[in-house]
Amino acid sequence: MAGAVTIRRAERRDAAEMAILVDLSSHGLASWLWYGAVLEGATQTALEHGRNQMRRDSERAGWKDASLAEVEGEIAGLVIGHLVDPSFADEVAPHPVFEPILGLQMQAIGNWFIDSVGVYRHHRGRGIGRRLVDHELARAAGHAVSLITEGDNDVALGLYKSSGFEEVTRLPSIPLDDNGKKHDWVLLTRSAT
C-alpha cells in the first residue's frame, strides 16, 4: 500500500470535501436532495448547499459527527456516525424517496448509526473503508451499531458482514423517477460489544 492511512476527526473547514464524499457514498442521492435548494433559489449548486449543511454545528451527520481518512495528506475517505436518539422518532422524510430509509432508521433508535462511508475510487482496495468502519465501532462506546446500505451493493455488504453486522430487515426503495434503479434498502446491525 502506498502511504500510511490516518484517521482524524473532521473540522468545519473540511465541509466541501465532506459533501463530495457524502454524495459519493449515497451514489448521488445526496446531491439530488440538495438540488432542491437550487430550485428554490437558495444556492447556486447542489454541492454548495451540501457544503453549507456539513458546516452547520447543529447538523446531524455534519462535520461534528464525521471522521476522515487521509493518505499522504490527501483526504481519501469519510465516515459519519452518531447516536440515534429518541427524538428521531419525530423525523419526517423530506421526500417519498427517503421514506423507506427513514423507516429503517427508526428501528435503530438507541443505536450508534453509521450514516455514511465513502472512499474515493482511486483509494479503494487499500482497507480504508474497513478502517473507517472500525473507527466508528470504537466510537460507539458499547452501543449496538446500525447502518443502511443498498441490497445490491455486494462490496459494502461484504465489508459490513465481515465486520460483524447482520441483516435485520429490508424495505424496497422508491425510485427517483420512472427509469430509476430499483433495489432494497438493507438495515444491518452489530450487537454492542
Protein backbone atom coordinates (compact mmCIF):
# COMPACT_ATOMS: atom_id res chain seq x y z
CA MET A 1 0.00 0.00 0.00
CA ALA A 2 1.34 3.40 -0.96
CA GLY A 3 1.28 5.71 2.03
CA ALA A 4 0.01 5.18 5.54
CA VAL A 5 -3.66 5.74 6.30
CA THR A 6 -4.51 8.04 9.18
CA ILE A 7 -7.97 8.70 10.58
CA ARG A 8 -8.78 12.09 12.07
CA ARG A 9 -11.88 13.91 13.27
CA ALA A 10 -13.30 16.28 10.68
CA GLU A 11 -13.18 20.03 11.08
CA ARG A 12 -15.61 22.64 9.78
CA ARG A 13 -13.09 23.59 7.08
CA ASP A 14 -13.45 20.06 5.63
CA ALA A 15 -17.12 20.62 4.73
CA ALA A 16 -16.66 20.85 0.94
CA GLU A 17 -14.72 17.60 0.77
CA MET A 18 -17.24 16.00 3.10
CA ALA A 19 -20.13 17.00 0.81
CA ILE A 20 -18.42 15.33 -2.13
CA LEU A 21 -17.79 12.13 -0.15
CA VAL A 22 -21.34 12.04 1.25
CA ASP A 23 -22.66 12.38 -2.29
CA LEU A 24 -20.30 9.63 -3.44
CA SER A 25 -21.37 7.34 -0.59
CA SER A 26 -25.04 7.92 -1.42
CA HIS A 27 -24.49 7.27 -5.15
CA GLY A 28 -25.74 10.78 -5.93
CA LEU A 29 -28.84 10.69 -3.73
CA ALA A 30 -27.49 13.49 -1.52
CA SER A 31 -26.88 15.91 -4.39
CA TRP A 32 -30.32 15.05 -5.79
CA LEU A 33 -31.84 16.13 -2.46
CA TRP A 34 -29.59 19.17 -2.19
CA TYR A 35 -30.62 20.27 -5.69
CA GLY A 36 -33.96 21.28 -4.19
CA ALA A 37 -32.19 24.31 -2.68
CA VAL A 38 -31.03 25.29 -6.18
CA LEU A 39 -34.59 25.08 -7.49
CA GLU A 40 -35.73 27.27 -4.58
CA GLY A 41 -33.04 29.86 -5.41
CA ALA A 42 -31.28 29.40 -2.06
CA THR A 43 -27.95 28.36 -3.60
CA GLN A 44 -26.25 28.03 -6.97
CA THR A 45 -25.25 24.38 -6.86
CA ALA A 46 -26.27 21.24 -5.03
CA LEU A 47 -22.75 20.71 -3.67
CA GLU A 48 -22.65 24.27 -2.33
CA HIS A 49 -25.84 23.51 -0.40
CA GLY A 50 -24.35 20.22 0.83
CA ARG A 51 -21.21 22.02 1.94
CA ASN A 52 -23.28 24.57 3.83
CA GLN A 53 -25.20 21.80 5.59
CA MET A 54 -21.99 19.99 6.53
CA ARG A 55 -20.65 23.24 8.07
CA ARG A 56 -23.55 23.70 10.49
CA ASP A 57 -22.72 22.98 14.12
CA SER A 58 -26.21 21.65 14.80
CA GLU A 59 -26.49 19.43 11.71
CA ARG A 60 -26.98 15.74 12.49
CA ALA A 61 -24.49 13.89 10.30
CA GLY A 62 -22.47 17.08 9.76
CA TRP A 63 -18.86 17.89 10.41
CA LYS A 64 -19.06 17.25 14.16
CA ASP A 65 -20.11 13.62 13.52
CA ALA A 66 -17.51 12.93 10.82
CA SER A 67 -14.05 11.43 10.63
CA LEU A 68 -11.77 11.48 7.62
CA ALA A 69 -9.17 9.04 6.31
CA GLU A 70 -6.05 10.62 4.86
CA VAL A 71 -3.29 9.13 2.74
CA GLU A 72 -0.15 11.24 2.44
CA GLY A 73 -2.08 14.37 3.48
CA GLU A 74 -4.88 13.81 0.93
CA ILE A 75 -8.41 13.14 2.14
CA ALA A 76 -9.23 9.64 0.88
CA GLY A 77 -12.48 8.78 2.65
CA LEU A 78 -15.08 9.70 5.21
CA VAL A 79 -17.30 8.11 7.82
CA ILE A 80 -20.14 9.80 9.67
CA GLY A 81 -21.64 8.29 12.80
CA HIS A 82 -23.95 9.42 15.59
CA LEU A 83 -26.33 8.13 18.22
CA VAL A 84 -29.94 7.83 17.06
CA ASP A 85 -31.73 9.42 19.99
CA PRO A 86 -35.46 9.05 20.72
CA SER A 87 -36.24 12.47 19.20
CA PHE A 88 -35.51 10.89 15.83
CA ALA A 89 -38.97 9.29 16.02
CA ASP A 90 -40.40 12.73 15.14
CA GLU A 91 -38.44 12.98 11.86
CA VAL A 92 -40.36 13.32 8.61
CA ALA A 93 -38.94 12.21 5.26
CA PRO A 94 -38.08 15.26 3.11
CA HIS A 95 -39.31 13.36 0.03
CA PRO A 96 -41.07 9.99 -0.50
CA VAL A 97 -37.79 8.54 -1.81
CA PHE A 98 -36.47 8.74 1.76
CA GLU A 99 -39.46 7.08 3.47
CA PRO A 100 -38.04 3.52 3.42
CA ILE A 101 -34.65 4.77 4.63
CA LEU A 102 -36.28 6.71 7.45
CA GLY A 103 -38.48 3.71 8.29
CA LEU A 104 -35.41 1.52 8.67
CA GLN A 105 -33.50 4.11 10.68
CA MET A 106 -36.45 4.38 13.10
CA GLN A 107 -35.68 0.76 14.01
CA ALA A 108 -32.20 1.85 15.09
CA ILE A 109 -33.27 4.33 17.78
CA GLY A 110 -30.85 3.93 20.69
CA ASN A 111 -28.12 2.56 18.42
CA TRP A 112 -24.99 4.20 17.13
CA PHE A 113 -25.68 4.82 13.44
CA ILE A 114 -23.14 4.85 10.65
CA ASP A 115 -24.72 7.38 8.33
CA SER A 116 -22.13 7.45 5.53
CA VAL A 117 -18.99 5.63 4.48
CA GLY A 118 -17.31 6.89 1.33
CA VAL A 119 -13.88 6.32 -0.20
CA TYR A 120 -12.65 7.89 -3.41
CA ARG A 121 -12.36 5.28 -6.16
CA HIS A 122 -8.60 5.76 -6.61
CA HIS A 123 -8.10 4.93 -2.92
CA ARG A 124 -10.30 1.84 -2.82
CA GLY A 125 -8.90 -1.64 -2.26
CA ARG A 126 -6.49 -0.44 0.45
CA GLY A 127 -8.60 -1.27 3.51
CA ILE A 128 -9.64 2.36 4.09
CA GLY A 129 -13.35 1.52 4.27
CA ARG A 130 -12.65 -1.14 6.90
CA ARG A 131 -10.51 1.29 8.90
CA LEU A 132 -13.32 3.86 8.82
CA VAL A 133 -15.92 1.30 9.94
CA ASP A 134 -13.60 0.08 12.73
CA HIS A 135 -13.16 3.71 13.82
CA GLU A 136 -16.93 4.10 14.18
CA LEU A 137 -17.24 0.79 16.02
CA ALA A 138 -14.75 2.14 18.56
CA ARG A 139 -16.68 5.44 18.82
CA ALA A 140 -19.92 3.55 19.51
CA ALA A 141 -18.88 3.15 23.16
CA GLY A 142 -20.85 -0.01 23.95
CA HIS A 143 -23.92 0.73 21.82
CA ALA A 144 -25.24 -1.57 19.14
CA VAL A 145 -24.23 -0.17 15.74
CA SER A 146 -26.58 0.03 12.76
CA LEU A 147 -26.31 1.20 9.16
CA ILE A 148 -28.31 1.10 5.95
CA THR A 149 -27.00 0.17 2.52
CA GLU A 150 -28.33 -0.84 -0.87
CA GLY A 151 -29.19 -4.52 -1.10
CA ASP A 152 -27.32 -4.89 -4.40
CA ASN A 153 -24.10 -3.30 -3.14
CA ASP A 154 -22.15 -6.54 -2.72
CA VAL A 155 -18.88 -4.80 -1.81
CA ALA A 156 -20.48 -2.84 1.04
CA LEU A 157 -22.48 -5.84 2.25
CA GLY A 158 -19.31 -7.94 2.29
CA LEU A 159 -17.42 -5.31 4.28
CA TYR A 160 -20.18 -4.87 6.83
CA LYS A 161 -20.88 -8.58 7.29
CA SER A 162 -17.15 -9.28 7.74
CA SER A 163 -17.19 -6.59 10.44
CA GLY A 164 -19.87 -8.46 12.40
CA PHE A 165 -23.02 -6.79 11.07
CA GLU A 166 -26.10 -8.91 10.46
CA GLU A 167 -29.09 -8.13 8.30
CA VAL A 168 -32.13 -7.08 10.33
CA THR A 169 -34.67 -6.26 7.62
CA ARG A 170 -35.16 -4.80 4.13
CA LEU A 171 -37.55 -2.37 2.50
CA PRO A 172 -37.94 -1.76 -1.23
CA SER A 173 -36.56 1.55 -2.47
CA ILE A 174 -38.71 4.20 -4.07
CA PRO A 175 -37.01 5.13 -7.36
CA LEU A 176 -36.26 8.78 -8.10
CA ASP A 177 -38.18 8.57 -11.39
CA ASP A 178 -39.84 6.04 -13.72
CA ASN A 179 -36.45 4.90 -15.02
CA GLY A 180 -34.82 4.87 -11.57
CA LYS A 181 -32.89 1.98 -10.15
CA LYS A 182 -34.96 -0.43 -8.06
CA HIS A 183 -33.34 -2.19 -5.13
CA ASP A 184 -33.88 -2.91 -1.46
CA TRP A 185 -32.55 -0.81 1.38
CA VAL A 186 -31.00 -3.10 4.00
CA LEU A 187 -30.74 -2.37 7.73
CA LEU A 188 -27.71 -4.09 9.27
CA THR A 189 -26.86 -4.13 12.97
CA ARG A 190 -23.91 -5.28 15.04
CA SER A 191 -24.54 -6.06 18.71
CA ALA A 192 -22.93 -3.94 21.39
CA THR A 193 -19.54 -5.27 22.44
